[in-house]
C-alpha atoms as a PDB file:
ATOM      1  CA  UNK A   1      75.856  83.883  70.920  1.00  0.00           C
ATOM      2  CA  UNK A   2      76.337  79.958  70.951  1.00  0.00           C
ATOM      3  CA  UNK A   3      75.523  78.301  74.496  1.00  0.00           C
ATOM      4  CA  UNK A   4      78.817  75.904  74.018  1.00  0.00           C
ATOM      5  CA  UNK A   5      81.342  76.164  76.565  1.00  0.00           C
ATOM      6  CA  UNK A   6      84.926  77.580  74.407  1.00  0.00           C
ATOM      7  CA  UNK A   7      86.930  77.326  77.468  1.00  0.00           C
ATOM      8  CA  UNK A   8      85.870  75.304  80.850  1.00  0.00           C
ATOM      9  CA  UNK A   9      88.098  75.768  83.974  1.00  0.00           C
ATOM     10  CA  UNK A  10      88.251  73.138  86.432  1.00  0.00           C
ATOM     11  CA  UNK A  11      89.274  73.103  90.034  1.00  0.00           C
ATOM     12  CA  UNK A  12      91.869  75.475  88.942  1.00  0.00           C
ATOM     13  CA  UNK A  13      94.878  76.610  91.204  1.00  0.00           C
ATOM     14  CA  UNK A  14      97.332  78.877  91.976  1.00  0.00           C
ATOM     15  CA  UNK A  15      99.641  78.335  94.692  1.00  0.00           C
ATOM     16  CA  UNK A  16     103.298  80.664  94.859  1.00  0.00           C
ATOM     17  CA  UNK A  17     105.866  79.247  97.376  1.00  0.00           C
ATOM     18  CA  UNK A  18     106.825  82.178  99.877  1.00  0.00           C
ATOM     19  CA  UNK A  19     110.220  81.372 102.076  1.00  0.00           C
ATOM     20  CA  UNK A  20     109.510  81.576 105.357  1.00  0.00           C
ATOM     21  CA  UNK A  21     113.101  81.292 106.986  1.00  0.00           C
ATOM     22  CA  UNK A  22     115.718  78.550 106.603  1.00  0.00           C
ATOM     23  CA  UNK A  23     113.789  75.311 105.101  1.00  0.00           C
ATOM     24  CA  UNK A  24     110.332  76.846 105.895  1.00  0.00           C
ATOM     25  CA  UNK A  25     108.209  77.436 102.959  1.00  0.00           C
ATOM     26  CA  UNK A  26     104.823  78.900 102.619  1.00  0.00           C
ATOM     27  CA  UNK A  27     102.259  78.699  99.995  1.00  0.00           C
ATOM     28  CA  UNK A  28     100.226  82.067  98.815  1.00  0.00           C
ATOM     29  CA  UNK A  29      96.836  81.150  97.285  1.00  0.00           C
ATOM     30  CA  UNK A  30      96.499  83.407  94.466  1.00  0.00           C
ATOM     31  CA  UNK A  31      93.865  81.144  93.101  1.00  0.00           C
ATOM     32  CA  UNK A  32      91.875  78.630  95.006  1.00  0.00           C
ATOM     33  CA  UNK A  33      90.087  76.038  93.418  1.00  0.00           C
ATOM     34  CA  UNK A  34      87.837  77.768  91.085  1.00  0.00           C
ATOM     35  CA  UNK A  35      85.376  76.545  88.276  1.00  0.00           C
ATOM     36  CA  UNK A  36      83.636  77.930  85.463  1.00  0.00           C
ATOM     37  CA  UNK A  37      82.863  77.546  81.648  1.00  0.00           C
ATOM     38  CA  UNK A  38      83.287  80.400  79.334  1.00  0.00           C
ATOM     39  CA  UNK A  39      80.864  80.162  76.688  1.00  0.00           C
ATOM     40  CA  UNK A  40      81.654  80.859  72.764  1.00  0.00           C
ATOM     41  CA  UNK A  41      81.159  84.501  71.814  1.00  0.00           C
ATOM     42  CA  UNK A  42      80.475  85.905  75.229  1.00  0.00           C
ATOM     43  CA  UNK A  43      82.260  88.558  77.600  1.00  0.00           C
ATOM     44  CA  UNK A  44      82.749  87.348  81.180  1.00  0.00           C
ATOM     45  CA  UNK A  45      83.735  89.824  83.352  1.00  0.00           C
ATOM     46  CA  UNK A  46      85.511  89.109  86.407  1.00  0.00           C
ATOM     47  CA  UNK A  47      86.112  91.777  89.589  1.00  0.00           C
ATOM     48  CA  UNK A  48      86.774  91.970  92.963  1.00  0.00           C
ATOM     49  CA  UNK A  49      88.919  94.186  95.196  1.00  0.00           C
ATOM     50  CA  UNK A  50      92.967  94.950  93.881  1.00  0.00           C
ATOM     51  CA  UNK A  51      94.981  91.768  95.247  1.00  0.00           C
ATOM     52  CA  UNK A  52      92.309  88.745  94.922  1.00  0.00           C
ATOM     53  CA  UNK A  53      93.677  86.949  92.240  1.00  0.00           C
ATOM     54  CA  UNK A  54      92.069  88.141  88.922  1.00  0.00           C
ATOM     55  CA  UNK A  55      95.163  88.682  86.929  1.00  0.00           C
ATOM     56  CA  UNK A  56      96.758  85.578  88.370  1.00  0.00           C
ATOM     57  CA  UNK A  57      93.733  83.918  86.887  1.00  0.00           C
ATOM     58  CA  UNK A  58      93.686  84.970  83.691  1.00  0.00           C
ATOM     59  CA  UNK A  59      97.448  84.349  83.397  1.00  0.00           C
ATOM     60  CA  UNK A  60      97.595  81.273  84.399  1.00  0.00           C
ATOM     61  CA  UNK A  61      94.703  79.973  82.443  1.00  0.00           C
ATOM     62  CA  UNK A  62      96.720  81.277  79.339  1.00  0.00           C
ATOM     63  CA  UNK A  63      99.283  78.736  81.264  1.00  0.00           C
ATOM     64  CA  UNK A  64     101.796  81.860  81.391  1.00  0.00           C
ATOM     65  CA  UNK A  65     102.050  80.576  84.990  1.00  0.00           C
ATOM     66  CA  UNK A  66     101.840  76.804  85.162  1.00  0.00           C
ATOM     67  CA  UNK A  67      98.808  76.215  86.947  1.00  0.00           C
ATOM     68  CA  UNK A  68      99.361  74.413  90.423  1.00  0.00           C
ATOM     69  CA  UNK A  69      96.825  71.956  90.241  1.00  0.00           C
ATOM     70  CA  UNK A  70      93.297  72.187  87.836  1.00  0.00           C
ATOM     71  CA  UNK A  71      93.205  71.842  84.489  1.00  0.00           C
ATOM     72  CA  UNK A  72      91.800  74.310  81.484  1.00  0.00           C
ATOM     73  CA  UNK A  73      90.128  72.770  78.681  1.00  0.00           C
ATOM     74  CA  UNK A  74      89.880  74.771  75.424  1.00  0.00           C
ATOM     75  CA  UNK A  75      86.974  72.732  72.952  1.00  0.00           C
ATOM     76  CA  UNK A  76      86.979  69.769  74.985  1.00  0.00           C
ATOM     77  CA  UNK A  77      90.879  68.890  74.887  1.00  0.00           C
ATOM     78  CA  UNK A  78      92.636  69.573  78.152  1.00  0.00           C
ATOM     79  CA  UNK A  79      94.938  71.722  77.604  1.00  0.00           C
ATOM     80  CA  UNK A  80      98.336  69.499  79.346  1.00  0.00           C
ATOM     81  CA  UNK A  81     101.232  69.089  77.210  1.00  0.00           C
ATOM     82  CA  UNK A  82     103.826  71.015  75.706  1.00  0.00           C
ATOM     83  CA  UNK A  83     102.343  70.522  72.250  1.00  0.00           C
ATOM     84  CA  UNK A  84      98.708  71.393  73.282  1.00  0.00           C
ATOM     85  CA  UNK A  85     100.085  74.956  74.886  1.00  0.00           C
ATOM     86  CA  UNK A  86     101.810  75.639  71.607  1.00  0.00           C
ATOM     87  CA  UNK A  87      98.315  75.114  70.312  1.00  0.00           C
ATOM     88  CA  UNK A  88      96.232  76.612  72.592  1.00  0.00           C
ATOM     89  CA  UNK A  89      98.564  80.137  72.455  1.00  0.00           C
ATOM     90  CA  UNK A  90      97.659  80.030  68.589  1.00  0.00           C
ATOM     91  CA  UNK A  91      93.891  80.856  69.517  1.00  0.00           C
ATOM     92  CA  UNK A  92      93.998  82.667  73.065  1.00  0.00           C
ATOM     93  CA  UNK A  93      95.874  85.300  73.965  1.00  0.00           C
ATOM     94  CA  UNK A  94      96.017  88.309  76.338  1.00  0.00           C
ATOM     95  CA  UNK A  95      96.061  92.444  75.909  1.00  0.00           C
ATOM     96  CA  UNK A  96      98.008  94.182  78.834  1.00  0.00           C
ATOM     97  CA  UNK A  97      96.785  96.448  81.634  1.00  0.00           C
ATOM     98  CA  UNK A  98     100.023  98.820  81.432  1.00  0.00           C
ATOM     99  CA  UNK A  99     100.360 100.266  77.362  1.00  0.00           C
ATOM    100  CA  UNK A 100     103.160 101.850  78.728  1.00  0.00           C
ATOM    101  CA  UNK A 101     105.004  98.445  79.898  1.00  0.00           C
ATOM    102  CA  UNK A 102     103.478  95.637  77.337  1.00  0.00           C
ATOM    103  CA  UNK A 103     105.259  97.784  74.713  1.00  0.00           C
ATOM    104  CA  UNK A 104     108.676  96.907  73.226  1.00  0.00           C
ATOM    105  CA  UNK A 105     110.465 100.609  73.526  1.00  0.00           C
ATOM    106  CA  UNK A 106     112.960  99.624  70.825  1.00  0.00           C
ATOM    107  CA  UNK A 107     109.976  97.856  68.347  1.00  0.00           C
ATOM    108  CA  UNK A 108     108.367  99.544  65.876  1.00  0.00           C
ATOM    109  CA  UNK A 109     104.784  99.668  66.013  1.00  0.00           C
ATOM    110  CA  UNK A 110     105.114  97.458  62.766  1.00  0.00           C
ATOM    111  CA  UNK A 111     107.453  94.710  64.897  1.00  0.00           C
ATOM    112  CA  UNK A 112     105.366  94.896  68.109  1.00  0.00           C
ATOM    113  CA  UNK A 113     102.495  93.711  65.792  1.00  0.00           C
ATOM    114  CA  UNK A 114     104.096  91.712  63.362  1.00  0.00           C
ATOM    115  CA  UNK A 115     106.042  89.693  66.283  1.00  0.00           C
ATOM    116  CA  UNK A 116     103.147  87.170  66.776  1.00  0.00           C
ATOM    117  CA  UNK A 117     103.514  86.839  62.667  1.00  0.00           C
ATOM    118  CA  UNK A 118     106.718  85.681  62.866  1.00  0.00           C
ATOM    119  CA  UNK A 119     106.646  83.356  65.955  1.00  0.00           C
ATOM    120  CA  UNK A 120     103.570  81.249  64.469  1.00  0.00           C
ATOM    121  CA  UNK A 121     105.272  81.292  61.094  1.00  0.00           C
ATOM    122  CA  UNK A 122     101.418  82.999  59.677  1.00  0.00           C
ATOM    123  CA  UNK A 123     102.149  84.909  56.637  1.00  0.00           C
ATOM    124  CA  UNK A 124     104.038  83.573  53.479  1.00  0.00           C
ATOM    125  CA  UNK A 125     106.400  86.328  52.787  1.00  0.00           C
ATOM    126  CA  UNK A 126     107.590  90.001  54.327  1.00  0.00           C
ATOM    127  CA  UNK A 127     104.781  90.980  51.273  1.00  0.00           C
ATOM    128  CA  UNK A 128     101.637  89.549  53.532  1.00  0.00           C
ATOM    129  CA  UNK A 129     103.550  90.238  56.214  1.00  0.00           C
ATOM    130  CA  UNK A 130     103.168  93.995  55.538  1.00  0.00           C
ATOM    131  CA  UNK A 131      99.687  93.793  54.037  1.00  0.00           C
ATOM    132  CA  UNK A 132      98.530  91.813  57.420  1.00  0.00           C
ATOM    133  CA  UNK A 133     100.373  94.649  59.914  1.00  0.00           C
ATOM    134  CA  UNK A 134      98.316  97.446  57.663  1.00  0.00           C
ATOM    135  CA  UNK A 135      95.280  95.488  57.908  1.00  0.00           C
ATOM    136  CA  UNK A 136      94.941  95.547  61.824  1.00  0.00           C
ATOM    137  CA  UNK A 137      96.272  98.716  62.406  1.00  0.00           C
ATOM    138  CA  UNK A 138      93.114  99.994  60.494  1.00  0.00           C
ATOM    139  CA  UNK A 139      90.790  97.842  62.542  1.00  0.00           C
ATOM    140  CA  UNK A 140      92.033  98.961  65.346  1.00  0.00           C
ATOM    141  CA  UNK A 141      92.306 102.820  64.348  1.00  0.00           C
ATOM    142  CA  UNK A 142      95.514 103.412  63.394  1.00  0.00           C
ATOM    143  CA  UNK A 143      97.089 104.623  60.585  1.00  0.00           C
ATOM    144  CA  UNK A 144      99.744 103.139  58.245  1.00  0.00           C
ATOM    145  CA  UNK A 145     101.761 106.262  58.764  1.00  0.00           C
ATOM    146  CA  UNK A 146     102.071 105.139  62.502  1.00  0.00           C
ATOM    147  CA  UNK A 147     103.942 101.382  61.657  1.00  0.00           C
ATOM    148  CA  UNK A 148     107.356 102.974  61.357  1.00  0.00           C
ATOM    149  CA  UNK A 149     106.912 105.078  64.707  1.00  0.00           C
ATOM    150  CA  UNK A 150     107.762 103.224  68.323  1.00  0.00           C
ATOM    151  CA  UNK A 151     105.821 102.911  71.473  1.00  0.00           C
ATOM    152  CA  UNK A 152     106.636 106.574  73.247  1.00  0.00           C
ATOM    153  CA  UNK A 153     105.647 108.466  70.478  1.00  0.00           C
ATOM    154  CA  UNK A 154     102.142 107.823  70.796  1.00  0.00           C
ATOM    155  CA  UNK A 155      99.260 108.336  73.900  1.00  0.00           C
ATOM    156  CA  UNK A 156      98.216 105.814  76.603  1.00  0.00           C
ATOM    157  CA  UNK A 157      94.931 105.046  74.026  1.00  0.00           C
ATOM    158  CA  UNK A 158      96.630 104.864  71.113  1.00  0.00           C
ATOM    159  CA  UNK A 159      99.202 102.824  72.621  1.00  0.00           C
ATOM    160  CA  UNK A 160      96.495 100.300  74.095  1.00  0.00           C
ATOM    161  CA  UNK A 161      95.115 100.111  70.562  1.00  0.00           C
ATOM    162  CA  UNK A 162      98.777  98.405  69.334  1.00  0.00           C
ATOM    163  CA  UNK A 163      98.466  95.980  71.982  1.00  0.00           C
ATOM    164  CA  UNK A 164      94.699  95.371  70.873  1.00  0.00           C
ATOM    165  CA  UNK A 165      96.614  94.611  67.033  1.00  0.00           C
ATOM    166  CA  UNK A 166      98.870  92.895  68.700  1.00  0.00           C
ATOM    167  CA  UNK A 167      96.630  90.732  70.111  1.00  0.00           C
ATOM    168  CA  UNK A 168      94.848  90.202  67.226  1.00  0.00           C
ATOM    169  CA  UNK A 169      97.551  89.194  65.058  1.00  0.00           C
ATOM    170  CA  UNK A 170      97.202  85.598  65.113  1.00  0.00           C
ATOM    171  CA  UNK A 171      93.426  85.316  64.618  1.00  0.00           C
ATOM    172  CA  UNK A 172      92.370  84.121  68.035  1.00  0.00           C
ATOM    173  CA  UNK A 173      89.205  82.631  69.348  1.00  0.00           C
ATOM    174  CA  UNK A 174      89.441  83.839  72.814  1.00  0.00           C
ATOM    175  CA  UNK A 175      91.118  87.136  74.672  1.00  0.00           C
ATOM    176  CA  UNK A 176      91.859  87.821  78.226  1.00  0.00           C
ATOM    177  CA  UNK A 177      91.508  91.483  78.579  1.00  0.00           C
ATOM    178  CA  UNK A 178      93.542  92.166  81.757  1.00  0.00           C
ATOM    179  CA  UNK A 179      92.010  95.505  82.961  1.00  0.00           C
ATOM    180  CA  UNK A 180      92.926  97.409  79.577  1.00  0.00           C
ATOM    181  CA  UNK A 181      91.401 100.573  80.052  1.00  0.00           C
ATOM    182  CA  UNK A 182      92.381 101.018  83.705  1.00  0.00           C
ATOM    183  CA  UNK A 183      95.409 103.587  82.779  1.00  0.00           C
ATOM    184  CA  UNK A 184      93.435 105.330  80.587  1.00  0.00           C
ATOM    185  CA  UNK A 185      91.833 108.836  80.631  1.00  0.00           C
ATOM    186  CA  UNK A 186      87.596 107.987  81.087  1.00  0.00           C
ATOM    187  CA  UNK A 187      86.639 109.134  77.297  1.00  0.00           C
ATOM    188  CA  UNK A 188      89.283 107.463  75.921  1.00  0.00           C
ATOM    189  CA  UNK A 189      88.453 104.396  78.113  1.00  0.00           C
ATOM    190  CA  UNK A 190      84.676 104.520  76.188  1.00  0.00           C
ATOM    191  CA  UNK A 191      86.396 104.257  73.045  1.00  0.00           C
ATOM    192  CA  UNK A 192      88.180 101.477  73.610  1.00  0.00           C
ATOM    193  CA  UNK A 193      85.812  98.887  75.090  1.00  0.00           C
ATOM    194  CA  UNK A 194      83.219  99.795  72.196  1.00  0.00           C
ATOM    195  CA  UNK A 195      85.943  99.236  70.163  1.00  0.00           C
ATOM    196  CA  UNK A 196      86.238  95.796  71.980  1.00  0.00           C
ATOM    197  CA  UNK A 197      82.351  95.141  70.941  1.00  0.00           C
ATOM    198  CA  UNK A 198      82.879  96.054  67.410  1.00  0.00           C
ATOM    199  CA  UNK A 199      85.484  93.226  67.402  1.00  0.00           C
ATOM    200  CA  UNK A 200      83.527  90.795  69.070  1.00  0.00           C
ATOM    201  CA  UNK A 201      80.952  90.862  66.751  1.00  0.00           C
ATOM    202  CA  UNK A 202      82.828  90.855  63.361  1.00  0.00           C
ATOM    203  CA  UNK A 203      85.619  87.971  64.827  1.00  0.00           C
ATOM    204  CA  UNK A 204      83.509  86.391  66.567  1.00  0.00           C
ATOM    205  CA  UNK A 205      85.591  86.817  69.909  1.00  0.00           C
ATOM    206  CA  UNK A 206      85.040  85.374  73.605  1.00  0.00           C
ATOM    207  CA  UNK A 207      86.485  87.480  76.060  1.00  0.00           C
ATOM    208  CA  UNK A 208      87.539  87.106  79.727  1.00  0.00           C
ATOM    209  CA  UNK A 209      87.719  90.514  80.376  1.00  0.00           C
ATOM    210  CA  UNK A 210      88.981  91.830  83.898  1.00  0.00           C
ATOM    211  CA  UNK A 211      88.485  94.701  85.713  1.00  0.00           C
ATOM    212  CA  UNK A 212      87.959  97.052  89.137  1.00  0.00           C
ATOM    213  CA  UNK A 213      85.282  99.105  87.249  1.00  0.00           C
ATOM    214  CA  UNK A 214      81.933  97.696  88.087  1.00  0.00           C
ATOM    215  CA  UNK A 215      80.077 100.339  85.340  1.00  0.00           C
ATOM    216  CA  UNK A 216      82.638  98.928  82.498  1.00  0.00           C
ATOM    217  CA  UNK A 217      82.083  95.206  83.421  1.00  0.00           C
ATOM    218  CA  UNK A 218      78.212  95.942  83.427  1.00  0.00           C
ATOM    219  CA  UNK A 219      78.497  97.637  80.204  1.00  0.00           C
ATOM    220  CA  UNK A 220      80.681  95.211  77.995  1.00  0.00           C
ATOM    221  CA  UNK A 221      79.877  91.541  80.052  1.00  0.00           C
ATOM    222  CA  UNK A 222      77.265  88.912  79.502  1.00  0.00           C
ATOM    223  CA  UNK A 223      78.265  87.546  82.916  1.00  0.00           C
ATOM    224  CA  UNK A 224      79.977  88.682  85.755  1.00  0.00           C
ATOM    225  CA  UNK A 225      82.388  86.228  88.067  1.00  0.00           C
ATOM    226  CA  UNK A 226      82.844  87.869  91.168  1.00  0.00           C
ATOM    227  CA  UNK A 227      86.073  86.759  93.510  1.00  0.00           C
ATOM    228  CA  UNK A 228      87.583  87.090  96.792  1.00  0.00           C
ATOM    229  CA  UNK A 229      90.973  85.909  98.439  1.00  0.00           C
ATOM    230  CA  UNK A 230      91.202  83.932  95.087  1.00  0.00           C
ATOM    231  CA  UNK A 231      87.702  82.212  95.185  1.00  0.00           C
ATOM    232  CA  UNK A 232      84.808  83.009  93.619  1.00  0.00           C
ATOM    233  CA  UNK A 233      82.034  83.658  95.404  1.00  0.00           C
ATOM    234  CA  UNK A 234      79.077  84.503  92.976  1.00  0.00           C
ATOM    235  CA  UNK A 235      78.304  83.982  89.066  1.00  0.00           C
ATOM    236  CA  UNK A 236      75.501  85.021  87.245  1.00  0.00           C
ATOM    237  CA  UNK A 237      74.279  87.247  84.206  1.00  0.00           C
ATOM    238  CA  UNK A 238      75.345  90.602  84.213  1.00  0.00           C
ATOM    239  CA  UNK A 239      71.790  92.717  85.096  1.00  0.00           C
ATOM    240  CA  UNK A 240      70.973  89.780  87.506  1.00  0.00           C
ATOM    241  CA  UNK A 241      74.345  90.370  89.410  1.00  0.00           C
ATOM    242  CA  UNK A 242      74.704  93.938  89.429  1.00  0.00           C
ATOM    243  CA  UNK A 243      70.672  94.633  90.033  1.00  0.00           C
ATOM    244  CA  UNK A 244      70.183  91.277  92.711  1.00  0.00           C
ATOM    245  CA  UNK A 245      73.415  91.000  94.046  1.00  0.00           C
ATOM    246  CA  UNK A 246      73.063  87.831  96.144  1.00  0.00           C
ATOM    247  CA  UNK A 247      76.411  87.078  97.999  1.00  0.00           C
ATOM    248  CA  UNK A 248      76.985  89.781 101.146  1.00  0.00           C
ATOM    249  CA  UNK A 249      80.318  90.537  99.658  1.00  0.00           C
ATOM    250  CA  UNK A 250      78.841  91.473  96.065  1.00  0.00           C
ATOM    251  CA  UNK A 251      76.028  93.135  97.456  1.00  0.00           C
ATOM    252  CA  UNK A 252      78.621  95.635  99.375  1.00  0.00           C
ATOM    253  CA  UNK A 253      80.786  95.470  96.350  1.00  0.00           C
ATOM    254  CA  UNK A 254      78.325  96.796  94.678  1.00  0.00           C
ATOM    255  CA  UNK A 255      76.658  99.197  96.469  1.00  0.00           C
ATOM    256  CA  UNK A 256      79.862 101.205  96.182  1.00  0.00           C
ATOM    257  CA  UNK A 257      79.181 101.703  92.691  1.00  0.00           C
ATOM    258  CA  UNK A 258      78.739 105.737  91.780  1.00  0.00           C
ATOM    259  CA  UNK A 259      75.448 106.438  90.919  1.00  0.00           C
ATOM    260  CA  UNK A 260      75.168 109.537  88.754  1.00  0.00           C
ATOM    261  CA  UNK A 261      71.457 110.273  89.650  1.00  0.00           C
ATOM    262  CA  UNK A 262      71.419 112.055  93.004  1.00  0.00           C
ATOM    263  CA  UNK A 263      68.538 111.202  93.752  1.00  0.00           C
ATOM    264  CA  UNK A 264      69.012 107.912  93.134  1.00  0.00           C
ATOM    265  CA  UNK A 265      72.357 108.048  94.871  1.00  0.00           C
ATOM    266  CA  UNK A 266      70.858 109.591  98.008  1.00  0.00           C
ATOM    267  CA  UNK A 267      68.518 106.183  98.150  1.00  0.00           C
ATOM    268  CA  UNK A 268      71.075 103.905  97.621  1.00  0.00           C
ATOM    269  CA  UNK A 269      72.556 102.548 100.968  1.00  0.00           C
ATOM    270  CA  UNK A 270      76.320 101.873 101.312  1.00  0.00           C
ATOM    271  CA  UNK A 271      77.261  99.125 102.716  1.00  0.00           C
ATOM    272  CA  UNK A 272      80.749  99.669 104.802  1.00  0.00           C
ATOM    273  CA  UNK A 273      82.689  96.860 105.667  1.00  0.00           C
ATOM    274  CA  UNK A 274      84.752  96.072 108.542  1.00  0.00           C
ATOM    275  CA  UNK A 275      88.582  95.039 108.838  1.00  0.00           C
ATOM    276  CA  UNK A 276      91.128  94.875 106.568  1.00  0.00           C
ATOM    277  CA  UNK A 277      91.401  91.593 103.316  1.00  0.00           C
ATOM    278  CA  UNK A 278      92.862  88.732 105.507  1.00  0.00           C
ATOM    279  CA  UNK A 279      96.617  88.013 103.577  1.00  0.00           C
ATOM    280  CA  UNK A 280      96.205  85.319 101.288  1.00  0.00           C
ATOM    281  CA  UNK A 281      99.137  83.746 102.652  1.00  0.00           C
ATOM    282  CA  UNK A 282      97.201  83.062 106.094  1.00  0.00           C
ATOM    283  CA  UNK A 283      93.882  83.103 105.055  1.00  0.00           C
ATOM    284  CA  UNK A 284      90.912  82.339 107.924  1.00  0.00           C
ATOM    285  CA  UNK A 285      89.600  78.819 107.864  1.00  0.00           C
ATOM    286  CA  UNK A 286      86.220  78.116 106.898  1.00  0.00           C
ATOM    287  CA  UNK A 287      84.654  81.359 104.252  1.00  0.00           C
ATOM    288  CA  UNK A 288      87.397  83.810 103.212  1.00  0.00           C
ATOM    289  CA  UNK A 289      84.993  86.536 103.417  1.00  0.00           C
ATOM    290  CA  UNK A 290      83.793  85.620 107.259  1.00  0.00           C
ATOM    291  CA  UNK A 291      86.138  88.166 109.022  1.00  0.00           C
ATOM    292  CA  UNK A 292      84.404  91.239 107.256  1.00  0.00           C
ATOM    293  CA  UNK A 293      81.033  89.839 106.784  1.00  0.00           C
ATOM    294  CA  UNK A 294      77.718  90.998 108.307  1.00  0.00           C
ATOM    295  CA  UNK A 295      76.063  87.647 108.074  1.00  0.00           C
ATOM    296  CA  UNK A 296      78.624  85.213 109.694  1.00  0.00           C
ATOM    297  CA  UNK A 297      77.828  82.384 111.484  1.00  0.00           C
ATOM    298  CA  UNK A 298      79.877  79.643 113.497  1.00  0.00           C
ATOM    299  CA  UNK A 299      79.214  77.306 109.876  1.00  0.00           C
ATOM    300  CA  UNK A 300      80.978  80.067 108.360  1.00  0.00           C
ATOM    301  CA  UNK A 301      84.409  79.815 110.703  1.00  0.00           C
ATOM    302  CA  UNK A 302      84.868  75.651 110.259  1.00  0.00           C
ATOM    303  CA  UNK A 303      83.829  75.272 106.383  1.00  0.00           C
ATOM    304  CA  UNK A 304      84.080  76.403 102.925  1.00  0.00           C
ATOM    305  CA  UNK A 305      81.354  77.132 101.190  1.00  0.00           C
ATOM    306  CA  UNK A 306      81.306  75.871  97.949  1.00  0.00           C
ATOM    307  CA  UNK A 307      79.830  77.776  94.298  1.00  0.00           C
ATOM    308  CA  UNK A 308      76.415  75.806  93.942  1.00  0.00           C
ATOM    309  CA  UNK A 309      73.750  76.792  91.654  1.00  0.00           C
ATOM    310  CA  UNK A 310      70.533  78.501  93.711  1.00  0.00           C
ATOM    311  CA  UNK A 311      68.997  79.301  90.851  1.00  0.00           C
ATOM    312  CA  UNK A 312      68.762  78.787  87.317  1.00  0.00           C
ATOM    313  CA  UNK A 313      72.702  80.256  85.945  1.00  0.00           C
ATOM    314  CA  UNK A 314      73.077  81.806  89.263  1.00  0.00           C
ATOM    315  CA  UNK A 315      75.895  80.944  91.361  1.00  0.00           C
ATOM    316  CA  UNK A 316      76.617  81.507  95.215  1.00  0.00           C
ATOM    317  CA  UNK A 317      79.506  80.811  97.579  1.00  0.00           C
ATOM    318  CA  UNK A 318      77.728  80.641 100.914  1.00  0.00           C
ATOM    319  CA  UNK A 319      76.156  79.325 103.550  1.00  0.00           C
ATOM    320  CA  UNK A 320      73.568  81.502 104.596  1.00  0.00           C
ATOM    321  CA  UNK A 321      72.442  82.496 101.051  1.00  0.00           C
ATOM    322  CA  UNK A 322      68.824  81.275 101.215  1.00  0.00           C
ATOM    323  CA  UNK A 323      68.590  83.079 104.458  1.00  0.00           C
ATOM    324  CA  UNK A 324      69.871  86.969 103.673  1.00  0.00           C
ATOM    325  CA  UNK A 325      68.527  87.335 100.052  1.00  0.00           C
END
């Protein structure tokens, strides 16, 4: 894996306007000033509770939502203009969470996979297009006779394979995997995750892998970033963050991971968090986690902690991290 950053995210914000009465608008801060790099050839896992902004971050990076502020830099070039976005989308794509709703029920598998080729004019003629579609189907474990079928004729795992083949059609460098296995049975999840790893090795792909299943994320990720209420709270190597979490929220998150060994499970002390996640519409002042944090001090309620490198490659956003770890 090369150390060069394929993608640099700088101070990215995604605020959605919400009408709250006549001539009154509030902003829902789905993604609130996040910055990180994704190295070429790596898998960066992005985890957090439901509603923390993971999916919105992935979609904003791909410019499916226009960023409220901040910058996406691809191979050293900022993605700003319409032409830059179009060029970026040829090399960056997405695998969606729900294989049932992300495929057009009126299109055959061949047409679904071939649509990106048509949009990008990637093939010279119909024969080349057909060969490319069959090559992609074979790469994700589908048979050529599946090409004329419709999405409703497939199982969930097969539909997700169709979605992955579609994502690979334009030979991308970077793929946002938005909880791609959460809607699948456990046995199928393992097959799909293993296929992602094989494709990454064969095609030199870079992933942003969004998920809430921490065991899956640990298995596939090189590094893991933890989000809470629209902000990054910790970023580190996968094993480091799972075995030695430093941020209070990451500690609680990792304590909830099921342990298959009963003896080890008894030793594992579950950290229960009190209270509910605050609304992004009415985010608390200061650290967004201070309302549930057992270590919260006065400073946590007043000022927002910045994501800082406290060890080599270890970034944490917490005022008291040096005291509590």
